[in-house]
Amino acid sequence: MVKLKRYWKAGLVILTVLSFSFALQAPSQATTAATAQQTGVAIGWSAGYQAGGNPAGIWAGYSAGYTLNADERQLLGLINQERVANHLPVFTVSLRLSYLARLRAQEMDDIQILTHFLPVYGTPPQMEEAAGLTGKLYGAENIVRAPDVASGNQALFNSPPHRANLLDPRETEIGLGVVRDHNGIWVSELFMAD
């Protein structure tokens, strides 16, 4: 009887954890499904902390001449245009944060999965901390898989949690990573405030 009672309690704990997990995930899944159905764009949004790999040597490919690519510059223009329309200051571009964002976008392309939990770089806060980049606010990330920059940006602004990141008045810096493949683009947007 004692054993049965112990298993019953363990089962309740597992069910409670699963229910809590599904409750946390439901809004993002609904938002993602609705946006994907309307626009043909896949978006992701979640929170968590689990590293799957070792991000040692993150800065190996970074140099003083690092710049945004054409897609990243287009995305920055669209984002800052929307911030101005909402009476917010434009984002300052952090090239170091953009480098990390491009590494994240490239890894999503490599594994062909839209996720905040990358096998090599882990979550955004883990990667930023490993790279020595922290601020008052850091670790927020928007990700999107889209046919082009304009539709990806529109999908993110149509999604309440992504829009909240993009229009958060506390966030002052942005890092943009856009990687193209034969089906479109993979995007990582990282946010920070000093």
N, C-alpha and C. Protein backbone atom coordinates (compact mmCIF):
# COMPACT_ATOMS: atom_id res chain seq x y z
N MET A 1 0.82 -1.20 0.00
CA MET A 1 0.00 0.00 0.00
C MET A 1 0.87 1.26 0.00
N VAL A 2 1.96 1.22 0.79
CA VAL A 2 2.87 2.37 0.86
C VAL A 2 3.52 2.58 -0.51
N LYS A 3 3.93 1.47 -1.16
CA LYS A 3 4.55 1.57 -2.49
C LYS A 3 3.57 2.16 -3.50
N LEU A 4 2.33 1.71 -3.46
CA LEU A 4 1.31 2.20 -4.38
C LEU A 4 1.08 3.69 -4.16
N LYS A 5 1.05 4.12 -2.90
CA LYS A 5 0.85 5.52 -2.57
C LYS A 5 2.02 6.36 -3.11
N ARG A 6 3.26 5.84 -2.98
CA ARG A 6 4.44 6.54 -3.46
C ARG A 6 4.38 6.70 -4.98
N TYR A 7 4.00 5.62 -5.71
CA TYR A 7 3.89 5.69 -7.17
C TYR A 7 2.80 6.66 -7.59
N TRP A 8 1.70 6.66 -6.85
CA TRP A 8 0.60 7.56 -7.16
C TRP A 8 1.04 9.01 -7.04
N LYS A 9 1.79 9.33 -5.94
CA LYS A 9 2.31 10.68 -5.75
C LYS A 9 3.29 11.05 -6.85
N ALA A 10 4.15 10.13 -7.21
CA ALA A 10 5.12 10.38 -8.29
C ALA A 10 4.38 10.63 -9.60
N GLY A 11 3.32 9.87 -9.85
CA GLY A 11 2.52 10.06 -11.06
C GLY A 11 1.87 11.43 -11.08
N LEU A 12 1.37 11.90 -9.93
CA LEU A 12 0.77 13.23 -9.86
C LEU A 12 1.80 14.32 -10.14
N VAL A 13 3.00 14.14 -9.60
CA VAL A 13 4.06 15.12 -9.84
C VAL A 13 4.38 15.18 -11.33
N ILE A 14 4.51 14.03 -11.98
CA ILE A 14 4.81 13.98 -13.40
C ILE A 14 3.69 14.64 -14.20
N LEU A 15 2.43 14.32 -13.88
CA LEU A 15 1.31 14.92 -14.58
C LEU A 15 1.27 16.44 -14.39
N THR A 16 1.56 16.89 -13.16
CA THR A 16 1.58 18.32 -12.89
C THR A 16 2.65 19.01 -13.72
N VAL A 17 3.85 18.42 -13.76
CA VAL A 17 4.94 19.00 -14.55
C VAL A 17 4.56 19.02 -16.02
N LEU A 18 4.00 17.93 -16.54
CA LEU A 18 3.60 17.89 -17.94
C LEU A 18 2.51 18.91 -18.23
N SER A 19 1.54 19.04 -17.33
CA SER A 19 0.47 20.02 -17.54
C SER A 19 1.04 21.43 -17.56
N PHE A 20 1.96 21.72 -16.64
CA PHE A 20 2.59 23.03 -16.59
C PHE A 20 3.38 23.28 -17.87
N SER A 21 4.09 22.28 -18.32
CA SER A 21 4.88 22.40 -19.54
C SER A 21 3.98 22.69 -20.74
N PHE A 22 2.89 21.94 -20.87
CA PHE A 22 1.98 22.17 -22.00
C PHE A 22 1.31 23.53 -21.90
N ALA A 23 0.99 23.97 -20.67
CA ALA A 23 0.36 25.28 -20.50
C ALA A 23 1.32 26.38 -20.95
N LEU A 24 2.61 26.24 -20.63
CA LEU A 24 3.58 27.25 -21.04
C LEU A 24 3.78 27.25 -22.54
N GLN A 25 3.70 26.07 -23.17
CA GLN A 25 3.98 25.97 -24.59
C GLN A 25 2.78 26.29 -25.46
N ALA A 26 1.58 26.16 -24.95
CA ALA A 26 0.39 26.31 -25.78
C ALA A 26 0.29 27.65 -26.51
N PRO A 27 0.53 28.80 -25.84
CA PRO A 27 0.41 30.05 -26.58
C PRO A 27 1.40 30.16 -27.73
N SER A 28 2.64 29.73 -27.51
CA SER A 28 3.62 29.87 -28.57
C SER A 28 3.30 28.92 -29.72
N GLN A 29 2.80 27.72 -29.42
CA GLN A 29 2.44 26.80 -30.49
C GLN A 29 1.25 27.33 -31.27
N ALA A 30 0.28 27.90 -30.58
CA ALA A 30 -0.89 28.45 -31.27
C ALA A 30 -0.48 29.63 -32.14
N THR A 31 0.36 30.51 -31.58
CA THR A 31 0.84 31.66 -32.34
C THR A 31 1.62 31.19 -33.55
N THR A 32 2.50 30.23 -33.34
CA THR A 32 3.31 29.72 -34.44
C THR A 32 2.44 29.10 -35.51
N ALA A 33 1.48 28.27 -35.11
CA ALA A 33 0.61 27.61 -36.09
C ALA A 33 -0.22 28.61 -36.87
N ALA A 34 -0.79 29.59 -36.17
CA ALA A 34 -1.63 30.59 -36.85
C ALA A 34 -0.80 31.42 -37.81
N THR A 35 0.37 31.85 -37.37
CA THR A 35 1.22 32.66 -38.22
C THR A 35 1.71 31.86 -39.42
N ALA A 36 2.11 30.62 -39.18
CA ALA A 36 2.60 29.79 -40.27
C ALA A 36 1.50 29.53 -41.29
N GLN A 37 0.28 29.32 -40.81
CA GLN A 37 -0.83 29.05 -41.72
C GLN A 37 -1.15 30.30 -42.56
N GLN A 38 -1.11 31.48 -41.94
CA GLN A 38 -1.44 32.71 -42.65
C GLN A 38 -0.36 33.16 -43.61
N THR A 39 0.90 32.95 -43.23
CA THR A 39 1.99 33.53 -44.02
C THR A 39 2.89 32.52 -44.71
N GLY A 40 2.75 31.23 -44.36
CA GLY A 40 3.67 30.25 -44.92
C GLY A 40 5.06 30.36 -44.31
N VAL A 41 5.16 31.00 -43.13
CA VAL A 41 6.44 31.23 -42.47
C VAL A 41 6.46 30.48 -41.14
N ALA A 42 7.56 29.81 -40.85
CA ALA A 42 7.71 29.11 -39.58
C ALA A 42 8.42 30.02 -38.59
N ILE A 43 7.85 30.19 -37.39
CA ILE A 43 8.50 31.00 -36.37
C ILE A 43 8.62 30.20 -35.09
N GLY A 44 9.54 30.60 -34.23
CA GLY A 44 9.73 29.90 -32.97
C GLY A 44 9.88 30.88 -31.82
N TRP A 45 9.42 30.50 -30.67
CA TRP A 45 9.57 31.33 -29.49
C TRP A 45 9.46 30.42 -28.28
N SER A 46 10.42 30.49 -27.39
CA SER A 46 10.37 29.70 -26.16
C SER A 46 11.38 30.26 -25.18
N ALA A 47 11.35 29.73 -23.97
CA ALA A 47 12.33 30.12 -22.96
C ALA A 47 12.89 28.85 -22.36
N GLY A 48 14.13 28.85 -22.02
CA GLY A 48 14.71 27.66 -21.42
C GLY A 48 16.21 27.78 -21.28
N TYR A 49 16.81 26.75 -20.70
CA TYR A 49 18.23 26.80 -20.44
C TYR A 49 18.77 25.38 -20.46
N GLN A 50 19.33 24.98 -21.59
CA GLN A 50 19.95 23.66 -21.65
C GLN A 50 21.00 23.65 -22.76
N ALA A 51 22.25 23.46 -22.37
CA ALA A 51 23.32 23.44 -23.36
C ALA A 51 23.52 22.02 -23.86
N GLY A 52 23.70 21.89 -25.16
CA GLY A 52 23.96 20.58 -25.72
C GLY A 52 25.38 20.43 -26.18
N GLY A 53 26.15 21.50 -26.16
CA GLY A 53 27.51 21.42 -26.68
C GLY A 53 28.42 22.40 -26.01
N ASN A 54 29.62 22.50 -26.53
CA ASN A 54 30.62 23.38 -25.97
C ASN A 54 30.91 24.52 -26.94
N PRO A 55 30.50 25.74 -26.61
CA PRO A 55 30.71 26.86 -27.53
C PRO A 55 32.10 27.47 -27.45
N ALA A 56 33.10 26.70 -27.06
CA ALA A 56 34.47 27.22 -26.98
C ALA A 56 34.90 27.71 -28.36
N GLY A 57 35.66 28.77 -28.38
CA GLY A 57 36.16 29.31 -29.63
C GLY A 57 35.12 30.07 -30.42
N ILE A 58 34.11 30.62 -29.75
CA ILE A 58 33.04 31.36 -30.43
C ILE A 58 33.61 32.48 -31.30
N TRP A 59 34.62 33.17 -30.81
CA TRP A 59 35.12 34.35 -31.52
C TRP A 59 36.15 34.02 -32.59
N ALA A 60 36.39 32.75 -32.86
CA ALA A 60 37.42 32.35 -33.82
C ALA A 60 37.23 32.98 -35.20
N GLY A 61 35.98 33.14 -35.66
CA GLY A 61 35.73 33.69 -36.99
C GLY A 61 35.43 35.18 -37.01
N TYR A 62 35.50 35.83 -35.85
CA TYR A 62 35.16 37.25 -35.77
C TYR A 62 36.40 38.10 -36.02
N SER A 63 36.23 39.18 -36.76
CA SER A 63 37.35 40.10 -36.97
C SER A 63 36.83 41.53 -36.89
N ALA A 64 37.75 42.46 -36.83
CA ALA A 64 37.40 43.88 -36.72
C ALA A 64 36.62 44.36 -37.96
N GLY A 65 36.77 43.66 -39.08
CA GLY A 65 36.08 44.06 -40.29
C GLY A 65 34.71 43.43 -40.47
N TYR A 66 34.18 42.78 -39.43
CA TYR A 66 32.88 42.12 -39.53
C TYR A 66 31.78 43.15 -39.80
N THR A 67 30.89 42.85 -40.75
CA THR A 67 29.77 43.76 -41.06
C THR A 67 28.49 42.95 -41.27
N LEU A 68 27.39 43.65 -41.26
CA LEU A 68 26.11 43.02 -41.57
C LEU A 68 26.06 42.71 -43.07
N ASN A 69 25.41 41.59 -43.41
CA ASN A 69 25.20 41.30 -44.83
C ASN A 69 23.97 42.07 -45.32
N ALA A 70 23.67 42.00 -46.62
CA ALA A 70 22.57 42.78 -47.21
C ALA A 70 21.23 42.44 -46.57
N ASP A 71 20.97 41.15 -46.30
CA ASP A 71 19.71 40.75 -45.68
C ASP A 71 19.59 41.32 -44.26
N GLU A 72 20.69 41.29 -43.53
CA GLU A 72 20.67 41.83 -42.16
C GLU A 72 20.46 43.34 -42.16
N ARG A 73 21.06 44.03 -43.12
CA ARG A 73 20.84 45.49 -43.22
C ARG A 73 19.38 45.80 -43.57
N GLN A 74 18.80 45.01 -44.48
CA GLN A 74 17.39 45.21 -44.83
C GLN A 74 16.50 44.98 -43.61
N LEU A 75 16.78 43.91 -42.86
CA LEU A 75 16.00 43.59 -41.67
C LEU A 75 16.11 44.71 -40.63
N LEU A 76 17.30 45.22 -40.42
CA LEU A 76 17.50 46.33 -39.47
C LEU A 76 16.66 47.54 -39.87
N GLY A 77 16.65 47.86 -41.16
CA GLY A 77 15.85 49.00 -41.62
C GLY A 77 14.37 48.81 -41.35
N LEU A 78 13.87 47.61 -41.59
CA LEU A 78 12.44 47.32 -41.36
C LEU A 78 12.10 47.40 -39.87
N ILE A 79 12.98 46.85 -39.04
CA ILE A 79 12.74 46.87 -37.59
C ILE A 79 12.76 48.30 -37.06
N ASN A 80 13.78 49.05 -37.43
CA ASN A 80 13.90 50.42 -36.91
C ASN A 80 12.79 51.32 -37.44
N GLN A 81 12.31 51.07 -38.63
CA GLN A 81 11.17 51.81 -39.17
C GLN A 81 9.94 51.60 -38.28
N GLU A 82 9.74 50.37 -37.86
CA GLU A 82 8.59 50.05 -36.99
C GLU A 82 8.78 50.65 -35.60
N ARG A 83 10.01 50.66 -35.10
CA ARG A 83 10.27 51.26 -33.78
C ARG A 83 9.97 52.76 -33.83
N VAL A 84 10.40 53.44 -34.87
CA VAL A 84 10.14 54.88 -35.00
C VAL A 84 8.64 55.12 -35.08
N ALA A 85 7.92 54.30 -35.84
CA ALA A 85 6.47 54.44 -35.97
C ALA A 85 5.77 54.26 -34.62
N ASN A 86 6.42 53.55 -33.69
CA ASN A 86 5.87 53.33 -32.35
C ASN A 86 6.52 54.25 -31.31
N HIS A 87 7.14 55.33 -31.78
CA HIS A 87 7.73 56.36 -30.92
C HIS A 87 8.82 55.80 -30.00
N LEU A 88 9.63 54.92 -30.54
CA LEU A 88 10.75 54.34 -29.80
C LEU A 88 12.05 54.70 -30.50
N PRO A 89 13.14 54.76 -29.74
CA PRO A 89 14.43 55.01 -30.40
C PRO A 89 14.84 53.79 -31.23
N VAL A 90 15.61 54.05 -32.27
CA VAL A 90 16.09 52.95 -33.11
C VAL A 90 17.09 52.12 -32.32
N PHE A 91 17.21 50.85 -32.71
CA PHE A 91 18.21 49.97 -32.10
C PHE A 91 19.61 50.39 -32.55
N THR A 92 20.55 50.28 -31.64
CA THR A 92 21.96 50.34 -31.98
C THR A 92 22.37 48.93 -32.36
N VAL A 93 23.08 48.80 -33.47
CA VAL A 93 23.53 47.48 -33.90
C VAL A 93 24.81 47.12 -33.16
N SER A 94 24.81 45.96 -32.55
CA SER A 94 26.02 45.42 -31.95
C SER A 94 26.57 44.40 -32.94
N LEU A 95 27.75 44.68 -33.49
CA LEU A 95 28.35 43.73 -34.44
C LEU A 95 28.74 42.43 -33.76
N ARG A 96 29.15 42.51 -32.50
CA ARG A 96 29.51 41.28 -31.78
C ARG A 96 28.25 40.44 -31.53
N LEU A 97 27.16 41.08 -31.15
CA LEU A 97 25.91 40.35 -30.96
C LEU A 97 25.39 39.83 -32.30
N SER A 98 25.58 40.60 -33.36
CA SER A 98 25.17 40.15 -34.69
C SER A 98 25.98 38.94 -35.14
N TYR A 99 27.25 38.92 -34.81
CA TYR A 99 28.08 37.75 -35.13
C TYR A 99 27.51 36.50 -34.46
N LEU A 100 27.14 36.63 -33.18
CA LEU A 100 26.55 35.49 -32.46
C LEU A 100 25.23 35.09 -33.10
N ALA A 101 24.41 36.08 -33.47
CA ALA A 101 23.12 35.79 -34.10
C ALA A 101 23.33 35.06 -35.43
N ARG A 102 24.33 35.45 -36.20
CA ARG A 102 24.57 34.76 -37.47
C ARG A 102 25.05 33.32 -37.23
N LEU A 103 25.87 33.12 -36.20
CA LEU A 103 26.27 31.76 -35.86
C LEU A 103 25.05 30.91 -35.50
N ARG A 104 24.10 31.50 -34.78
CA ARG A 104 22.89 30.78 -34.40
C ARG A 104 22.04 30.46 -35.63
N ALA A 105 21.88 31.45 -36.53
CA ALA A 105 21.11 31.21 -37.75
C ALA A 105 21.78 30.13 -38.60
N GLN A 106 23.12 30.16 -38.68
CA GLN A 106 23.84 29.17 -39.46
C GLN A 106 23.67 27.77 -38.87
N GLU A 107 23.70 27.67 -37.54
CA GLU A 107 23.52 26.35 -36.93
C GLU A 107 22.11 25.83 -37.16
N MET A 108 21.09 26.70 -37.11
CA MET A 108 19.73 26.24 -37.42
C MET A 108 19.65 25.74 -38.86
N ASP A 109 20.30 26.44 -39.78
CA ASP A 109 20.34 25.99 -41.17
C ASP A 109 21.05 24.64 -41.27
N ASP A 110 22.17 24.50 -40.55
CA ASP A 110 22.93 23.25 -40.59
C ASP A 110 22.11 22.06 -40.12
N ILE A 111 21.35 22.25 -39.04
CA ILE A 111 20.58 21.13 -38.49
C ILE A 111 19.15 21.08 -39.03
N GLN A 112 18.76 22.13 -39.77
CA GLN A 112 17.43 22.23 -40.38
C GLN A 112 16.31 22.15 -39.34
N ILE A 113 16.53 22.84 -38.22
CA ILE A 113 15.52 22.90 -37.16
C ILE A 113 15.47 24.33 -36.62
N LEU A 114 14.29 24.87 -36.52
CA LEU A 114 14.08 26.19 -35.93
C LEU A 114 13.98 26.01 -34.42
N THR A 115 14.99 26.43 -33.69
CA THR A 115 15.02 26.17 -32.25
C THR A 115 15.89 27.18 -31.51
N HIS A 116 15.54 27.42 -30.25
CA HIS A 116 16.37 28.25 -29.37
C HIS A 116 17.41 27.40 -28.65
N PHE A 117 17.30 26.08 -28.75
CA PHE A 117 18.17 25.15 -28.03
C PHE A 117 19.11 24.47 -29.02
N LEU A 118 20.21 25.12 -29.33
CA LEU A 118 21.12 24.62 -30.35
C LEU A 118 22.12 23.61 -29.78
N PRO A 119 22.43 22.55 -30.53
CA PRO A 119 23.35 21.53 -30.04
C PRO A 119 24.73 22.08 -29.68
N VAL A 120 25.26 22.99 -30.47
CA VAL A 120 26.60 23.52 -30.21
C VAL A 120 26.56 24.72 -29.27
N TYR A 121 25.66 25.68 -29.54
CA TYR A 121 25.69 26.95 -28.81
C TYR A 121 24.72 27.04 -27.64
N GLY A 122 23.84 26.07 -27.47
CA GLY A 122 22.89 26.11 -26.36
C GLY A 122 21.86 27.22 -26.57
N THR A 123 21.38 27.77 -25.47
CA THR A 123 20.38 28.83 -25.52
C THR A 123 21.07 30.18 -25.72
N PRO A 124 20.31 31.21 -26.08
CA PRO A 124 20.94 32.53 -26.22
C PRO A 124 21.69 33.00 -24.97
N PRO A 125 21.11 32.89 -23.75
CA PRO A 125 21.88 33.35 -22.59
C PRO A 125 23.17 32.56 -22.40
N GLN A 126 23.13 31.27 -22.65
CA GLN A 126 24.35 30.46 -22.50
C GLN A 126 25.42 30.91 -23.49
N MET A 127 25.02 31.13 -24.72
CA MET A 127 25.98 31.53 -25.74
C MET A 127 26.55 32.91 -25.43
N GLU A 128 25.68 33.84 -25.05
CA GLU A 128 26.13 35.20 -24.75
C GLU A 128 27.06 35.22 -23.55
N GLU A 129 26.73 34.45 -22.52
CA GLU A 129 27.60 34.38 -21.34
C GLU A 129 28.94 33.75 -21.70
N ALA A 130 28.93 32.68 -22.49
CA ALA A 130 30.17 32.03 -22.91
C ALA A 130 31.04 32.97 -23.74
N ALA A 131 30.38 33.87 -24.48
CA ALA A 131 31.11 34.83 -25.31
C ALA A 131 31.50 36.09 -24.54
N GLY A 132 31.08 36.20 -23.28
CA GLY A 132 31.41 37.36 -22.47
C GLY A 132 30.54 38.57 -22.73
N LEU A 133 29.36 38.36 -23.30
CA LEU A 133 28.43 39.47 -23.57
C LEU A 133 27.24 39.38 -22.63
N THR A 134 27.15 40.32 -21.72
CA THR A 134 25.99 40.39 -20.83
C THR A 134 25.65 41.85 -20.61
N GLY A 135 24.46 42.10 -20.14
CA GLY A 135 24.01 43.45 -19.85
C GLY A 135 22.92 43.40 -18.80
N LYS A 136 22.24 44.54 -18.61
CA LYS A 136 21.11 44.56 -17.68
C LYS A 136 20.05 43.57 -18.16
N LEU A 137 19.80 43.58 -19.45
CA LEU A 137 18.89 42.63 -20.08
C LEU A 137 19.64 41.93 -21.20
N TYR A 138 19.54 40.63 -21.24
CA TYR A 138 20.13 39.89 -22.34
C TYR A 138 19.47 38.52 -22.40
N GLY A 139 19.68 37.82 -23.51
CA GLY A 139 19.16 36.46 -23.63
C GLY A 139 17.89 36.33 -24.43
N ALA A 140 17.21 37.44 -24.74
CA ALA A 140 15.99 37.35 -25.55
C ALA A 140 16.39 37.09 -27.00
N GLU A 141 15.62 36.24 -27.67
CA GLU A 141 15.88 35.91 -29.07
C GLU A 141 14.57 35.72 -29.81
N ASN A 142 14.50 36.28 -31.01
CA ASN A 142 13.44 35.97 -31.97
C ASN A 142 14.09 35.14 -33.06
N ILE A 143 13.39 34.10 -33.50
CA ILE A 143 13.88 33.30 -34.62
C ILE A 143 12.75 33.11 -35.62
N VAL A 144 13.12 33.02 -36.89
CA VAL A 144 12.12 32.81 -37.92
C VAL A 144 12.76 32.10 -39.10
N ARG A 145 11.95 31.30 -39.77
CA ARG A 145 12.31 30.66 -41.04
C ARG A 145 11.31 31.19 -42.04
N ALA A 146 11.79 31.83 -43.11
CA ALA A 146 10.88 32.50 -44.04
C ALA A 146 11.45 32.48 -45.45
N PRO A 147 10.59 32.76 -46.44
CA PRO A 147 11.08 32.81 -47.81
C PRO A 147 11.96 34.03 -48.08
N ASP A 148 11.72 35.14 -47.35
CA ASP A 148 12.50 36.36 -47.56
C ASP A 148 12.45 37.23 -46.32
N VAL A 149 13.25 38.28 -46.32
CA VAL A 149 13.38 39.15 -45.14
C VAL A 149 12.06 39.84 -44.80
N ALA A 150 11.39 40.39 -45.80
CA ALA A 150 10.15 41.14 -45.53
C ALA A 150 9.08 40.26 -44.90
N SER A 151 8.87 39.06 -45.44
CA SER A 151 7.83 38.19 -44.86
C SER A 151 8.24 37.66 -43.49
N GLY A 152 9.52 37.41 -43.28
CA GLY A 152 9.98 36.98 -41.95
C GLY A 152 9.77 38.07 -40.92
N ASN A 153 10.11 39.30 -41.27
CA ASN A 153 9.91 40.43 -40.36
C ASN A 153 8.44 40.63 -40.05
N GLN A 154 7.59 40.52 -41.08
CA GLN A 154 6.15 40.69 -40.88
C GLN A 154 5.60 39.61 -39.95
N ALA A 155 6.05 38.38 -40.13
CA ALA A 155 5.60 37.29 -39.26
C ALA A 155 5.97 37.55 -37.81
N LEU A 156 7.17 38.06 -37.58
CA LEU A 156 7.60 38.35 -36.21
C LEU A 156 6.78 39.49 -35.61
N PHE A 157 6.51 40.52 -36.38
CA PHE A 157 5.70 41.64 -35.86
C PHE A 157 4.24 41.24 -35.68
N ASN A 158 3.77 40.22 -36.38
CA ASN A 158 2.40 39.73 -36.21
C ASN A 158 2.24 38.81 -35.01
N SER A 159 3.34 38.38 -34.42
CA SER A 159 3.33 37.46 -33.28
C SER A 159 3.55 38.26 -32.00
N PRO A 160 2.58 38.27 -31.06
CA PRO A 160 2.71 39.11 -29.86
C PRO A 160 4.01 38.95 -29.06
N PRO A 161 4.50 37.73 -28.78
CA PRO A 161 5.75 37.67 -27.99
C PRO A 161 6.97 38.19 -28.77
N HIS A 162 6.99 37.97 -30.08
CA HIS A 162 8.12 38.46 -30.88
C HIS A 162 8.05 39.99 -31.00
N ARG A 163 6.84 40.48 -31.23
CA ARG A 163 6.63 41.93 -31.32
C ARG A 163 7.05 42.61 -30.02
N ALA A 164 6.74 41.98 -28.89
CA ALA A 164 7.12 42.54 -27.59
C ALA A 164 8.64 42.70 -27.49
N ASN A 165 9.39 41.72 -27.98
CA ASN A 165 10.85 41.85 -27.98
C ASN A 165 11.29 43.01 -28.87
N LEU A 166 10.71 43.09 -30.06
CA LEU A 166 11.11 44.11 -31.04
C LEU A 166 10.77 45.52 -30.60
N LEU A 167 9.69 45.67 -29.82
CA LEU A 167 9.25 47.00 -29.39
C LEU A 167 9.45 47.24 -27.90
N ASP A 168 10.30 46.44 -27.27
CA ASP A 168 10.59 46.62 -25.85
C ASP A 168 11.44 47.89 -25.69
N PRO A 169 10.93 48.92 -25.00
CA PRO A 169 11.69 50.17 -24.88
C PRO A 169 12.96 50.01 -24.03
N ARG A 170 13.03 48.95 -23.24
CA ARG A 170 14.23 48.73 -22.41
C ARG A 170 15.40 48.19 -23.22
N GLU A 171 15.10 47.50 -24.32
CA GLU A 171 16.16 46.94 -25.16
C GLU A 171 16.75 48.04 -26.03
N THR A 172 18.07 48.14 -26.04
CA THR A 172 18.73 49.22 -26.78
C THR A 172 19.61 48.71 -27.92
N GLU A 173 20.09 47.47 -27.82
CA GLU A 173 20.97 46.92 -28.83
C GLU A 173 20.34 45.70 -29.48
N ILE A 174 20.67 45.49 -30.73
CA ILE A 174 20.18 44.31 -31.44
C ILE A 174 21.34 43.67 -32.19
N GLY A 175 21.27 42.35 -32.27
CA GLY A 175 22.19 41.58 -33.10
C GLY A 175 21.35 40.83 -34.11
N LEU A 176 21.72 40.91 -35.38
CA LEU A 176 20.94 40.29 -36.45
C LEU A 176 21.78 39.27 -37.20
N GLY A 177 21.22 38.08 -37.33
CA GLY A 177 21.88 37.04 -38.12
C GLY A 177 20.90 36.49 -39.13
N VAL A 178 21.22 36.61 -40.41
CA VAL A 178 20.37 36.08 -41.48
C VAL A 178 21.25 35.20 -42.37
N VAL A 179 20.82 33.96 -42.54
CA VAL A 179 21.54 33.00 -43.39
C VAL A 179 20.58 32.50 -44.45
N ARG A 180 21.02 32.53 -45.71
CA ARG A 180 20.20 32.07 -46.84
C ARG A 180 20.53 30.63 -47.19
N ASP A 181 19.48 29.90 -47.60
CA ASP A 181 19.68 28.61 -48.25
C ASP A 181 18.73 28.54 -49.45
N HIS A 182 18.60 27.39 -50.06
CA HIS A 182 17.80 27.27 -51.28
C HIS A 182 16.30 27.46 -51.05
N ASN A 183 15.84 27.44 -49.80
CA ASN A 183 14.41 27.61 -49.50
C ASN A 183 14.07 28.95 -48.88
N GLY A 184 15.05 29.82 -48.69
CA GLY A 184 14.76 31.10 -48.06
C GLY A 184 15.80 31.48 -47.04
N ILE A 185 15.35 31.96 -45.88
CA ILE A 185 16.27 32.46 -44.86
C ILE A 185 15.99 31.86 -43.49
N TRP A 186 17.03 31.82 -42.68
CA TRP A 186 16.97 31.51 -41.26
C TRP A 186 17.41 32.79 -40.54
N VAL A 187 16.66 33.19 -39.53
CA VAL A 187 16.95 34.47 -38.84
C VAL A 187 17.04 34.24 -37.33
N SER A 188 18.05 34.89 -36.74
CA SER A 188 18.14 35.01 -35.28
C SER A 188 18.29 36.48 -34.98
N GLU A 189 17.45 36.98 -34.08
CA GLU A 189 17.54 38.35 -33.59
C GLU A 189 17.82 38.27 -32.09
N LEU A 190 18.93 38.86 -31.65
CA LEU A 190 19.30 38.87 -30.24
C LEU A 190 19.19 40.29 -29.71
N PHE A 191 18.71 40.43 -28.49
CA PHE A 191 18.45 41.73 -27.89
C PHE A 191 19.25 41.91 -26.60
N MET A 192 19.65 43.15 -26.35
CA MET A 192 20.44 43.42 -25.15
C MET A 192 20.25 44.86 -24.71
N ALA A 193 20.40 45.10 -23.42
CA ALA A 193 20.41 46.45 -22.86
C ALA A 193 21.55 46.55 -21.88
N ASP A 194 22.35 47.61 -21.99
CA ASP A 194 23.46 47.82 -21.06
C ASP A 194 23.00 48.48 -19.78
